Structures are given as structure tokens and as C-alpha cells.
Protein backbone atom coordinates (compact mmCIF):
# COMPACT_ATOMS: atom_id res chain seq x y z
CA MET A 1 86.71 112.82 87.33
CA LYS A 2 84.30 112.26 84.61
CA LEU A 3 81.17 110.30 85.33
CA SER A 4 78.62 108.97 82.78
CA TRP A 5 75.97 106.10 82.25
CA LEU A 6 77.14 103.82 79.42
CA ALA A 7 73.70 102.55 78.52
CA ASP A 8 72.11 105.94 78.38
CA ASN A 9 74.13 107.68 75.64
CA ASN A 10 76.81 108.69 78.24
CA GLN A 11 74.38 110.72 80.24
CA PRO A 12 76.14 112.31 83.20
CA ILE A 13 75.69 110.73 86.71
CA ALA A 14 76.48 112.13 90.16
CA VAL A 15 78.89 111.05 92.98
CA ALA A 16 75.77 110.13 94.84
CA ASP A 17 75.14 107.30 92.21
CA LEU A 18 78.63 105.93 93.07
CA ASN A 19 78.05 106.33 96.80
CA ARG A 20 74.92 104.10 96.53
CA VAL A 21 77.04 101.08 95.69
CA GLY A 22 79.63 102.00 98.34
CA VAL A 23 82.19 103.67 96.03
CA HIS A 24 84.04 106.49 97.90
CA TYR A 25 85.61 109.43 95.95
CA GLU A 26 87.51 112.42 97.06
CA GLN A 27 89.95 115.03 95.40
CA VAL A 28 93.42 115.11 96.67
CA ASP A 29 96.10 117.78 96.05
CA THR A 30 98.78 115.74 94.57
CA ALA A 31 101.06 118.81 94.18
CA GLY A 32 101.24 119.15 98.08
CA ASP A 33 101.80 116.82 100.86
CA MET A 34 99.13 114.17 100.22
CA GLN A 35 100.48 111.62 102.84
CA PRO A 36 98.32 112.98 105.67
CA GLN A 37 95.16 112.59 103.73
CA LEU A 38 96.14 109.03 102.81
CA ASP A 39 97.09 108.26 106.19
CA ASN A 40 93.58 109.35 107.45
CA LEU A 41 92.02 107.04 104.88
CA LYS A 42 94.36 104.20 105.90
CA GLN A 43 93.38 104.57 109.64
CA ALA A 44 89.65 105.00 108.97
CA ARG A 45 89.50 101.95 106.55
CA GLY A 46 92.11 99.65 107.98
CA TYR A 47 94.60 99.80 105.09
CA VAL A 48 98.08 98.82 106.11
CA GLU A 49 100.05 98.62 102.84
CA GLN A 50 100.87 101.38 100.28
CA ASP A 51 102.72 101.38 96.97
CA ILE A 52 102.89 102.98 93.66
CA ILE A 53 102.19 101.47 90.39
CA GLU A 54 102.84 103.06 86.88
CA LEU A 55 101.59 101.64 83.60
CA THR A 56 103.13 103.22 80.42
CA PRO A 57 103.29 102.15 76.82
CA GLN A 58 106.87 100.99 77.64
CA THR A 59 105.68 98.67 80.39
CA PRO A 60 106.67 95.11 79.49
CA ASN A 61 103.55 92.93 78.49
CA LEU A 62 101.27 95.91 79.03
CA ASP A 63 98.34 94.52 76.95
CA THR A 64 98.61 91.18 78.71
CA LEU A 65 98.60 92.73 82.12
CA CYS A 66 95.57 95.02 81.32
CA ASP A 67 93.68 92.10 79.83
CA LYS A 68 93.34 90.66 83.37
CA PHE A 69 91.07 93.65 84.44
CA LYS A 70 89.03 94.33 81.22
CA ASP A 71 86.45 91.67 82.06
CA GLU A 72 83.88 92.21 84.72
CA HIS A 73 85.26 91.13 88.13
CA LEU A 74 85.35 91.88 91.83
CA HIS A 75 87.81 91.73 94.63
CA THR A 76 87.36 90.39 98.27
CA ASP A 77 89.12 93.62 99.35
CA ASP A 78 88.64 97.35 98.47
CA GLU A 79 90.52 98.49 95.28
CA VAL A 80 92.06 101.86 96.28
CA ARG A 81 93.52 104.19 93.62
CA LEU A 82 94.81 107.82 93.91
CA VAL A 83 95.92 108.90 90.53
CA LEU A 84 99.11 110.83 90.32
CA ALA A 85 99.48 111.12 86.65
CA GLY A 86 97.69 109.87 83.53
CA GLU A 87 94.26 108.51 83.54
CA GLY A 88 92.22 105.32 83.53
CA VAL A 89 88.57 104.17 83.13
CA PHE A 90 86.66 102.11 85.81
CA ASP A 91 83.21 100.75 84.75
CA ILE A 92 81.42 100.05 87.92
CA ARG A 93 78.04 98.26 88.25
CA SER A 94 75.22 100.53 89.64
CA ALA A 95 72.60 99.44 92.27
CA ASP A 96 70.31 98.52 89.43
CA ASP A 97 73.11 96.57 87.58
CA GLN A 98 73.87 99.23 84.94
CA TRP A 99 77.44 100.41 84.06
CA MET A 100 78.66 103.70 85.47
CA ARG A 101 81.82 104.94 83.64
CA VAL A 102 84.24 106.69 85.92
CA THR A 103 87.34 108.27 84.18
CA VAL A 104 89.94 109.01 86.86
CA GLU A 105 92.68 111.63 86.45
CA ALA A 106 95.42 113.27 88.51
CA GLY A 107 94.08 113.96 91.88
CA ASP A 108 91.25 111.54 91.87
CA LEU A 109 91.04 109.13 94.72
CA LEU A 110 88.53 106.24 94.12
CA VAL A 111 87.76 103.40 96.42
CA VAL A 112 85.90 100.52 94.65
CA PRO A 113 84.56 98.37 97.72
CA ALA A 114 85.11 94.74 98.10
CA ASN A 115 82.51 92.67 96.30
CA CYS A 116 81.67 95.37 93.88
CA TYR A 117 81.73 94.24 90.23
CA HIS A 118 83.80 96.54 87.97
CA ARG A 119 86.25 96.49 85.05
CA PHE A 120 89.25 98.62 84.30
CA PHE A 121 90.81 99.99 81.06
CA LEU A 122 93.58 102.43 80.22
CA THR A 123 92.74 105.27 77.87
CA PRO A 124 94.33 105.49 74.58
CA ARG A 125 97.39 107.36 76.22
CA LYS A 126 97.99 104.16 78.00
CA HIS A 127 99.53 105.90 81.00
CA ILE A 128 98.49 105.93 84.65
CA ARG A 129 100.58 106.34 87.91
CA CYS A 130 98.61 105.48 91.15
CA VAL A 131 99.14 105.22 94.77
CA ARG A 132 97.51 101.95 95.78
CA LEU A 133 96.37 100.97 99.45
CA PHE A 134 95.76 97.38 100.77
CA LYS A 135 94.41 95.90 103.85
CA ASP A 136 97.10 93.20 103.92
CA THR A 137 100.31 92.36 102.30
CA SER A 138 98.94 89.94 99.76
CA GLY A 139 96.98 92.51 97.76
CA TRP A 140 94.03 91.07 95.98
CA THR A 141 93.15 89.04 92.94
CA PRO A 142 90.18 89.41 90.43
CA VAL A 143 87.17 87.09 90.77
CA TYR A 144 85.45 87.15 87.40
CA ARG A 145 81.67 87.36 87.28
CA GLU A 146 81.07 84.59 84.78
CA SER A 147 82.83 82.29 87.31
CA GLN A 148 80.27 83.28 89.90
CA VAL A 149 77.12 82.38 87.69
């Protein structure tokens, strides 16, 4: 995982800055049996659904799909991603409303808590494969910030 402030010439930040807004991060050995670690997180946080999503340059309508998440939004449920391959970028609002850039790679498990403003992008490689966890079968939908103002 790579962390930096966007407004401060990409100065590095600490995991503690993420923790202040409720973001949870941990490293997972994706080469081994990762299910026990996922099961512990599911039990601790009440997640009941698990799936895998993969985005690649060959994904139909990839740009349209990604466009839904490039604008600032929140979800009413946690957004949980364990990256298995590839990489992605989460910009997350800090406690003082600044952007924290989080680039996730294989082995990074990130929980963006419910009601935390963020946005998501693929890197130029346009590839990410993730385990997702949900609290119910319906998943979640984005609530865009401009609709809240």
C-alpha cells in the first residue's frame, strides 16, 4: 500500500491518518490460505456475503463501469476490498476534509467505513482483482456528495 496527501505535494501519510476516519487496513498473505483471516473479519464486523470481482482492459464497458466511482461518494455500508492482483487507487477524505490517496496492491485489505466520502480509480494498468465482503446480499450503491449538498 502506498499512502500520500494529494494537496501537499504527495507527502506521505501514516495508517493512523486512515484510522482517524475509521478506515481499517491490514496485510493479508494472498499466497496462503487467506480464508481464516477473512472469516475473522466477517465475524467481527458482521459481513455475510463474499465474492470476487475482476476488472481488466477486456472487461466490457470498463470505462463506463469505472465512471460510477470516480466522483466523490459514500456508501451506507462498508466498502471492503482484499486485492488479489493488480492495483487500484482510493482517494479518501481525511478528518479535516483533505484527500488521502491510498494505492492498494496484492495483499492489501482495506475497509472504507460506511458514510466515509471517497472515490476510486484504476491505475493505468487497468487491472484489479479483489475479494469483496458485504453485510447483506444487496451490496451497496454510491451516494454522491453533490447530491448531499
